[in-house]
């Protein structure tokens, strides 16, 4: 069944890992990828996280699937069509490779913008990032069994929505726009 949730201290190697994988994905995808971004907790300097690099690839459309599926698979990832989230297409590392999640989302969609705004808000507000880290450590202890990963994710949800509410206020006050693609 695997291990339970493990949250570790921030590691300076995470952005390096993203850069290497992102460059490989960019080479394979070319202009099919409108953006390739490092998202999730490993993309926020100083934020403790599960040691899993999350990558978001923005595409114009989910169809045809092979336009991005084939290049992502060539880059070393496995398509997970059973993923229930309909606003993305999901890929994971090959067996034995370092844990990496690849989320393909439609450019300009709510889910794409959500991930970018959440990241940028935490980068700009280290106090909020620290609160998030504290919560993750507490929840990792509370939901330590391998079969409790989804409970851990669900328990973070109220904090994430509260943070995105503050992030939206911040975005409105500052005129925030997503920065240039990371790769």
Protein backbone atom coordinates (compact mmCIF):
# COMPACT_ATOMS: atom_id res chain seq x y z
CA UNK A 1 0.00 0.00 0.00
CA UNK A 2 2.98 2.35 0.38
CA UNK A 3 4.10 4.71 3.08
CA UNK A 4 2.13 7.28 5.00
CA UNK A 5 2.47 11.02 4.51
CA UNK A 6 6.00 12.30 5.06
CA UNK A 7 6.62 16.06 5.30
CA UNK A 8 10.27 17.14 5.23
CA UNK A 9 12.16 20.41 5.53
CA UNK A 10 12.56 22.52 2.40
CA UNK A 11 15.28 21.23 0.09
CA UNK A 12 17.19 23.52 -2.29
CA UNK A 13 17.40 20.62 -4.74
CA UNK A 14 13.66 20.78 -5.55
CA UNK A 15 13.89 23.75 -7.95
CA UNK A 16 16.93 22.11 -9.57
CA UNK A 17 14.97 18.90 -10.06
CA UNK A 18 12.09 20.85 -11.55
CA UNK A 19 14.43 22.69 -13.93
CA UNK A 20 15.87 19.41 -15.20
CA UNK A 21 12.50 17.74 -15.71
CA UNK A 22 10.91 20.94 -17.01
CA UNK A 23 13.61 21.31 -19.66
CA UNK A 24 13.07 17.70 -20.75
CA UNK A 25 9.31 18.27 -20.96
CA UNK A 26 9.78 21.53 -22.88
CA UNK A 27 12.06 19.76 -25.37
CA UNK A 28 9.47 17.04 -25.95
CA UNK A 29 6.35 19.23 -25.94
CA UNK A 30 7.60 22.32 -27.76
CA UNK A 31 4.80 24.81 -28.37
CA UNK A 32 2.12 22.30 -27.32
CA UNK A 33 2.91 23.37 -23.76
CA UNK A 34 1.83 26.98 -23.43
CA UNK A 35 3.34 27.02 -19.93
CA UNK A 36 5.37 24.63 -17.80
CA UNK A 37 5.43 25.61 -14.15
CA UNK A 38 6.77 24.31 -10.85
CA UNK A 39 3.74 24.28 -8.54
CA UNK A 40 2.86 22.88 -5.15
CA UNK A 41 4.76 23.18 -1.91
CA UNK A 42 8.17 22.27 -3.36
CA UNK A 43 7.90 25.42 -5.51
CA UNK A 44 7.75 27.75 -2.50
CA UNK A 45 11.23 28.56 -1.13
CA UNK A 46 11.50 27.62 2.53
CA UNK A 47 8.21 25.69 2.66
CA UNK A 48 8.33 22.20 4.18
CA UNK A 49 6.68 19.65 1.92
CA UNK A 50 6.22 16.09 0.86
CA UNK A 51 9.34 15.51 -1.31
CA UNK A 52 7.31 15.30 -4.52
CA UNK A 53 7.87 17.80 -7.32
CA UNK A 54 4.60 18.93 -8.90
CA UNK A 55 4.69 20.23 -12.45
CA UNK A 56 1.83 21.96 -14.22
CA UNK A 57 1.70 21.93 -18.00
CA UNK A 58 -0.80 24.30 -19.58
CA UNK A 59 -2.26 23.33 -22.94
CA UNK A 60 -4.82 24.96 -25.23
CA UNK A 61 -7.08 21.89 -25.22
CA UNK A 62 -7.30 18.37 -23.83
CA UNK A 63 -8.02 17.09 -27.34
CA UNK A 64 -6.33 15.48 -29.06
CA UNK A 65 -4.90 13.75 -26.01
CA UNK A 66 -1.95 12.32 -27.93
CA UNK A 67 -0.71 15.83 -28.74
CA UNK A 68 0.64 16.01 -25.18
CA UNK A 69 0.36 12.41 -23.93
CA UNK A 70 2.93 11.00 -26.34
CA UNK A 71 5.58 13.70 -25.67
CA UNK A 72 5.07 13.49 -21.89
CA UNK A 73 5.46 9.72 -22.05
CA UNK A 74 8.64 10.15 -24.13
CA UNK A 75 9.90 12.41 -21.32
CA UNK A 76 9.52 9.48 -18.92
CA UNK A 77 6.04 9.75 -17.41
CA UNK A 78 3.06 7.43 -17.29
CA UNK A 79 -0.44 8.66 -18.07
CA UNK A 80 -2.93 7.92 -15.29
CA UNK A 81 -6.31 8.05 -17.09
CA UNK A 82 -8.13 6.77 -13.99
CA UNK A 83 -7.53 10.09 -12.20
CA UNK A 84 -11.02 11.31 -11.21
CA UNK A 85 -10.28 15.04 -11.46
CA UNK A 86 -11.85 16.11 -14.75
CA UNK A 87 -10.11 19.51 -14.93
CA UNK A 88 -6.71 17.95 -15.52
CA UNK A 89 -4.91 15.06 -17.13
CA UNK A 90 -2.48 13.38 -14.78
CA UNK A 91 0.91 11.70 -15.21
CA UNK A 92 3.33 10.10 -12.76
CA UNK A 93 6.93 8.98 -12.80
CA UNK A 94 7.87 5.58 -14.19
CA UNK A 95 8.36 2.74 -11.73
CA UNK A 96 11.58 3.25 -9.77
CA UNK A 97 11.99 6.93 -10.76
CA UNK A 98 11.90 9.84 -8.33
CA UNK A 99 8.34 10.78 -7.35
CA UNK A 100 6.99 13.49 -9.65
CA UNK A 101 3.42 14.53 -10.41
CA UNK A 102 2.59 16.12 -13.77
CA UNK A 103 -0.74 17.95 -13.97
CA UNK A 104 -1.89 18.98 -17.45
CA UNK A 105 -4.50 21.73 -17.31
CA UNK A 106 -6.21 23.98 -19.83
CA UNK A 107 -4.52 27.37 -20.13
CA UNK A 108 -6.58 30.08 -18.47
CA UNK A 109 -8.77 27.60 -16.59
CA UNK A 110 -9.69 28.13 -12.96
CA UNK A 111 -7.65 25.12 -11.86
CA UNK A 112 -4.56 26.33 -13.73
CA UNK A 113 -4.84 29.84 -12.27
CA UNK A 114 -5.60 28.48 -8.78
CA UNK A 115 -2.29 26.59 -8.65
CA UNK A 116 -0.32 29.63 -9.83
CA UNK A 117 -2.04 32.12 -7.53
CA UNK A 118 -1.69 29.83 -4.50
CA UNK A 119 2.04 29.42 -5.20
CA UNK A 120 2.65 33.12 -5.77
CA UNK A 121 0.70 34.13 -2.66
CA UNK A 122 2.70 31.76 -0.45
CA UNK A 123 5.96 32.99 -2.01
CA UNK A 124 4.98 36.58 -1.21
CA UNK A 125 3.68 35.76 2.29
CA UNK A 126 6.21 33.62 4.20
CA UNK A 127 4.12 33.88 7.38
CA UNK A 128 1.23 32.13 5.62
CA UNK A 129 3.64 29.57 4.15
CA UNK A 130 4.88 28.82 7.67
CA UNK A 131 1.30 28.32 8.91
CA UNK A 132 0.81 25.90 6.03
CA UNK A 133 4.00 24.02 6.93
CA UNK A 134 2.92 23.77 10.57
CA UNK A 135 -0.47 22.40 9.52
CA UNK A 136 1.12 19.85 7.19
CA UNK A 137 3.45 18.57 9.91
CA UNK A 138 0.55 18.24 12.34
CA UNK A 139 -1.65 16.46 9.81
CA UNK A 140 1.17 14.14 8.70
CA UNK A 141 1.40 12.93 12.30
CA UNK A 142 -2.36 12.65 12.63
CA UNK A 143 -2.79 10.76 9.35
CA UNK A 144 0.38 8.67 9.44
CA UNK A 145 -1.02 5.36 8.17
CA UNK A 146 -0.49 4.53 4.47
CA UNK A 147 -4.25 4.31 3.91
CA UNK A 148 -4.81 7.85 5.27
CA UNK A 149 -3.24 9.88 2.43
CA UNK A 150 -6.64 11.05 1.19
CA UNK A 151 -7.61 12.03 4.76
CA UNK A 152 -4.45 14.16 4.94
CA UNK A 153 -5.32 15.90 1.66
CA UNK A 154 -8.93 16.45 2.73
CA UNK A 155 -7.86 17.87 6.10
CA UNK A 156 -5.76 20.54 4.34
CA UNK A 157 -8.68 21.70 2.21
CA UNK A 158 -10.17 24.35 4.56
CA UNK A 159 -6.77 26.00 4.98
CA UNK A 160 -6.17 25.98 1.22
CA UNK A 161 -9.54 27.63 0.50
CA UNK A 162 -9.01 30.20 3.24
CA UNK A 163 -5.59 30.97 1.75
CA UNK A 164 -6.92 31.26 -1.79
CA UNK A 165 -9.54 33.71 -0.51
CA UNK A 166 -6.74 35.89 0.91
CA UNK A 167 -4.75 35.35 -2.26
CA UNK A 168 -7.64 36.60 -4.36
CA UNK A 169 -7.91 39.74 -2.21
CA UNK A 170 -4.15 40.21 -2.65
CA UNK A 171 -4.42 39.66 -6.40
CA UNK A 172 -7.21 42.25 -6.66
CA UNK A 173 -5.26 44.78 -4.57
CA UNK A 174 -2.00 44.31 -6.47
CA UNK A 175 -3.26 43.64 -10.00
CA UNK A 176 -1.50 40.27 -9.88
CA UNK A 177 -1.02 38.39 -13.10
CA UNK A 178 0.71 35.05 -13.50
CA UNK A 179 4.44 35.49 -14.04
CA UNK A 180 6.15 34.13 -17.15
CA UNK A 181 6.25 30.37 -17.49
CA UNK A 182 8.99 28.68 -15.46
CA UNK A 183 10.24 26.72 -18.42
